[in-house]
Amino acid sequence: MKMIINNFEILEKFIPEDHDLFLYGQIMIRKKDSMLCKSNNIVLRDLFIKNKDDLYKQLPIIKKLCKDFTARAYLNPNPRSYKKIAVDIAGLCLDRVRNSSEHGCTRVVSSACGQYTPNRIWVSDIDDINIIRHVIDYFKTIDIKFTKVPTPNGVHLLHEGFDTRVYRKHFPSIEIHKNNPTILYYQEPQELYEQEIIRRMRAAAERKKPNHTNDTLG
């Protein structure tokens, strides 16, 4: 069965109720997912989520773009302020005009949303499924509340910031992101699904091979 990750219900709780705030995300084609990317990732669409209704209204187009272009939809759990973003956009446009780079004004919205701070919610990126249970137990011992978000390769744990010195010593393989999105929607491409099926069939065939041992002559 093809992998489909739909984290809409998990992430809807991060949508702010303040009318000045919104969640920002992107639908992106990643180089490792598609041959369309020759070098860098390709952004298909910016996402601006102001309330739950807005999130689910965009669900059909998000799913379609992800399926048609082998893309992933991402959402940053840290709210952005319309007022602050507007001021930042004006400043970024002015900087580009001063530097005779007016064509760059077309990208200032995503730039302003991407660099926005502060970011209260961090992302612990865990690809090693064998340590997930240990990380969760550790969070419970230090009273850190978290939200578990499935990803194509493991999980993201969304949590508030804390002193990570001991945490990093215990789990050096985990990447901690302080201004990163998490996965909102992903549908495994058909070719990757077929490759995984072939891999599993070959592995099963290997397991069924008889284990021949040399007879020892006495």
Protein backbone atom coordinates (compact mmCIF):
# COMPACT_ATOMS: atom_id res chain seq x y z
CA MET A 1 0.00 0.00 0.00
CA LYS A 2 1.35 3.41 -0.98
CA MET A 3 2.34 5.73 1.86
CA ILE A 4 -0.02 8.68 2.32
CA ILE A 5 0.68 11.12 5.14
CA ASN A 6 -2.19 13.43 6.04
CA ASN A 7 -1.44 15.52 9.14
CA PHE A 8 -4.28 18.03 8.80
CA GLU A 9 -6.05 16.94 11.99
CA ILE A 10 -2.79 16.83 13.95
CA LEU A 11 -1.66 20.31 12.91
CA GLU A 12 -4.99 22.14 13.03
CA LYS A 13 -4.54 22.74 16.76
CA PHE A 14 -1.61 25.05 15.99
CA ILE A 15 -3.81 27.45 14.02
CA PRO A 16 -4.06 30.66 16.09
CA GLU A 17 -7.38 32.26 16.97
CA ASP A 18 -5.95 35.78 16.86
CA HIS A 19 -7.10 37.55 13.65
CA ASP A 20 -3.64 39.06 13.18
CA LEU A 21 -1.93 35.66 13.11
CA PHE A 22 -1.70 32.90 10.52
CA LEU A 23 0.31 29.79 9.74
CA TYR A 24 2.65 29.79 6.77
CA GLY A 25 3.60 26.82 4.62
CA GLN A 26 4.63 25.76 1.14
CA ILE A 27 3.93 23.03 -1.39
CA MET A 28 7.34 22.01 -2.65
CA ILE A 29 8.90 19.59 -5.12
CA ARG A 30 12.04 18.20 -3.56
CA LYS A 31 14.99 17.19 -5.66
CA LYS A 32 15.14 13.70 -4.18
CA ASP A 33 11.44 13.09 -4.99
CA SER A 34 11.25 14.21 -8.61
CA MET A 35 13.32 14.42 -11.77
CA LEU A 36 11.75 17.85 -12.38
CA CYS A 37 14.29 19.29 -9.94
CA LYS A 38 17.67 19.57 -11.58
CA SER A 39 19.35 21.43 -8.73
CA ASN A 40 17.17 23.23 -6.17
CA ASN A 41 13.75 22.52 -4.73
CA ILE A 42 10.78 24.01 -6.58
CA VAL A 43 8.06 25.88 -4.65
CA LEU A 44 4.67 25.34 -6.29
CA ARG A 45 2.51 27.36 -3.90
CA ASP A 46 2.68 29.34 -0.70
CA LEU A 47 0.12 28.47 1.98
CA PHE A 48 -1.44 31.06 4.28
CA ILE A 49 -3.73 29.44 6.87
CA LYS A 50 -5.78 31.87 8.96
CA ASN A 51 -8.30 29.44 10.50
CA LYS A 52 -9.45 25.81 10.42
CA ASP A 53 -12.00 26.41 7.66
CA ASP A 54 -9.26 27.92 5.56
CA LEU A 55 -7.08 24.85 6.12
CA TYR A 56 -9.71 22.38 4.96
CA LYS A 57 -10.82 24.52 2.02
CA GLN A 58 -7.30 24.19 0.68
CA LEU A 59 -7.14 20.43 1.25
CA PRO A 60 -8.30 19.43 -2.29
CA ILE A 61 -5.77 21.62 -4.12
CA ILE A 62 -3.00 20.60 -1.71
CA LYS A 63 -3.69 16.91 -2.32
CA LYS A 64 -3.92 17.40 -6.08
CA LEU A 65 -0.66 19.34 -6.38
CA CYS A 66 1.17 16.84 -4.18
CA LYS A 67 -0.10 13.94 -6.27
CA ASP A 68 0.35 15.50 -9.72
CA PHE A 69 3.85 16.89 -9.10
CA THR A 70 5.23 14.40 -6.55
CA ALA A 71 5.36 17.28 -4.10
CA ARG A 72 5.17 17.68 -0.33
CA ALA A 73 3.08 20.18 1.62
CA TYR A 74 4.79 21.75 4.63
CA LEU A 75 3.42 23.90 7.44
CA ASN A 76 5.34 25.88 10.05
CA PRO A 77 3.63 25.51 13.46
CA ASN A 78 4.85 28.95 14.57
CA PRO A 79 2.28 31.69 13.84
CA ARG A 80 3.16 34.70 11.71
CA SER A 81 1.75 38.20 12.24
CA TYR A 82 0.09 39.93 9.28
CA LYS A 83 1.17 43.32 10.62
CA LYS A 84 4.81 42.36 11.17
CA ILE A 85 5.03 40.53 7.84
CA ALA A 86 3.58 43.58 6.05
CA VAL A 87 6.26 45.83 7.59
CA ASP A 88 8.98 43.32 6.68
CA ILE A 89 7.70 43.07 3.10
CA ALA A 90 7.85 46.85 2.72
CA GLY A 91 11.42 46.88 4.05
CA LEU A 92 12.55 44.03 1.80
CA CYS A 93 11.03 45.69 -1.27
CA LEU A 94 12.72 48.98 -0.42
CA ASP A 95 16.09 47.25 -0.02
CA ARG A 96 15.74 45.66 -3.45
CA VAL A 97 14.77 48.96 -5.08
CA ARG A 98 17.80 50.64 -3.52
CA ASN A 99 20.03 47.88 -4.90
CA SER A 100 18.42 48.03 -8.36
CA SER A 101 17.06 44.50 -7.86
CA GLU A 102 13.38 45.26 -8.33
CA HIS A 103 12.73 41.85 -9.90
CA GLY A 104 13.43 40.34 -6.48
CA CYS A 105 10.29 41.96 -5.08
CA THR A 106 8.27 39.03 -6.43
CA ARG A 107 9.79 36.80 -3.74
CA VAL A 108 9.62 39.05 -0.70
CA VAL A 109 6.44 37.53 0.76
CA SER A 110 7.95 34.07 1.14
CA SER A 111 11.22 35.63 2.33
CA ALA A 112 9.45 37.66 5.02
CA CYS A 113 7.41 34.68 6.20
CA GLY A 114 10.41 32.37 6.20
CA GLN A 115 12.68 34.55 8.33
CA TYR A 116 10.04 35.60 10.84
CA THR A 117 10.88 35.26 14.55
CA PRO A 118 10.33 34.49 17.41
CA ASN A 119 9.69 30.78 17.03
CA ARG A 120 8.25 29.21 20.14
CA ILE A 121 7.82 25.70 18.70
CA TRP A 122 10.86 23.64 17.76
CA VAL A 123 11.00 20.49 15.63
CA SER A 124 12.95 17.40 16.66
CA ASP A 125 13.53 15.48 13.44
CA ILE A 126 13.82 11.74 14.15
CA ASP A 127 14.58 9.28 11.36
CA ASP A 128 15.72 6.38 13.57
CA ILE A 129 12.48 4.67 14.55
CA ASN A 130 14.32 2.61 17.16
CA ILE A 131 14.87 5.64 19.41
CA ILE A 132 11.45 7.30 19.14
CA ARG A 133 10.11 5.57 22.25
CA HIS A 134 13.22 6.55 24.23
CA VAL A 135 12.90 10.20 23.17
CA ILE A 136 9.25 10.31 24.18
CA ASP A 137 10.12 8.80 27.56
CA TYR A 138 12.86 11.40 28.00
CA PHE A 139 10.45 14.25 27.24
CA LYS A 140 8.07 12.90 29.85
CA THR A 141 10.80 12.83 32.50
CA ILE A 142 11.61 16.53 31.94
CA ASP A 143 7.93 17.46 31.57
CA ILE A 144 8.13 18.61 27.93
CA LYS A 145 4.81 18.48 26.11
CA PHE A 146 5.03 17.46 22.48
CA THR A 147 3.01 16.64 19.38
CA LYS A 148 3.99 13.61 17.30
CA VAL A 149 3.84 14.20 13.54
CA PRO A 150 4.47 11.31 11.11
CA THR A 151 6.95 11.96 8.28
CA PRO A 152 8.00 9.84 5.28
CA ASN A 153 11.19 8.75 7.08
CA GLY A 154 10.19 8.77 10.75
CA VAL A 155 8.55 11.40 12.96
CA HIS A 156 8.74 15.04 13.93
CA LEU A 157 8.20 15.91 17.57
CA LEU A 158 6.91 19.47 17.93
CA HIS A 159 7.72 20.99 21.31
CA GLU A 160 8.61 24.21 23.08
CA GLY A 161 12.24 25.21 23.35
CA PHE A 162 14.35 24.03 26.29
CA ASP A 163 17.98 23.58 27.30
CA THR A 164 19.06 20.85 24.88
CA ARG A 165 22.59 20.15 26.13
CA VAL A 166 21.72 16.88 27.90
CA TYR A 167 19.18 16.00 25.21
CA ARG A 168 21.83 16.23 22.49
CA LYS A 169 24.21 14.03 24.48
CA HIS A 170 21.56 11.34 24.83
CA PHE A 171 20.36 11.56 21.21
CA PRO A 172 23.16 12.96 19.00
CA SER A 173 21.51 11.76 15.77
CA ILE A 174 18.44 13.98 16.22
CA GLU A 175 18.31 17.27 14.34
CA ILE A 176 16.65 20.12 16.25
CA HIS A 177 15.12 22.87 14.11
CA LYS A 178 14.02 26.19 15.60
CA ASN A 179 12.33 27.68 12.54
CA ASN A 180 11.35 24.75 10.34
CA PRO A 181 8.06 23.49 8.97
CA THR A 182 6.73 20.00 9.42
CA ILE A 183 5.01 17.77 6.90
CA LEU A 184 1.34 18.52 6.25
CA TYR A 185 0.63 16.18 3.36
CA TYR A 186 2.59 13.67 1.28
CA GLN A 187 1.67 10.90 -1.14
CA GLU A 188 4.33 8.40 -2.06
CA PRO A 189 5.09 8.44 -5.81
CA GLN A 190 4.07 5.32 -7.75
CA GLU A 191 7.62 4.54 -8.81
CA LEU A 192 8.89 4.62 -5.21
CA TYR A 193 6.01 2.38 -4.17
CA GLU A 194 6.87 -0.11 -6.92
CA GLN A 195 10.55 -0.06 -5.95
CA GLU A 196 9.63 -0.81 -2.34
CA ILE A 197 7.40 -3.73 -3.41
CA ILE A 198 10.25 -5.18 -5.49
CA ARG A 199 12.66 -4.75 -2.58
CA ARG A 200 10.31 -6.58 -0.22
CA MET A 201 9.73 -9.41 -2.71
CA ARG A 202 13.46 -9.90 -3.14
CA ALA A 203 14.00 -9.87 0.61
CA ALA A 204 11.22 -12.46 1.07
CA ALA A 205 12.75 -14.66 -1.64
CA GLU A 206 16.12 -14.50 0.07
CA ARG A 207 14.58 -15.59 3.36
CA LYS A 208 12.96 -18.62 1.68
CA LYS A 209 16.23 -19.93 0.24
CA PRO A 210 17.34 -23.15 1.93
CA ASN A 211 20.28 -22.80 4.24
CA HIS A 212 22.70 -25.44 2.98
CA THR A 213 25.44 -26.58 5.32
CA ASN A 214 28.41 -28.73 4.49
CA ASP A 215 28.24 -32.22 5.91
CA THR A 216 31.11 -33.06 8.19
CA LEU A 217 32.70 -36.42 7.44
CA GLY A 218 33.72 -38.42 10.45
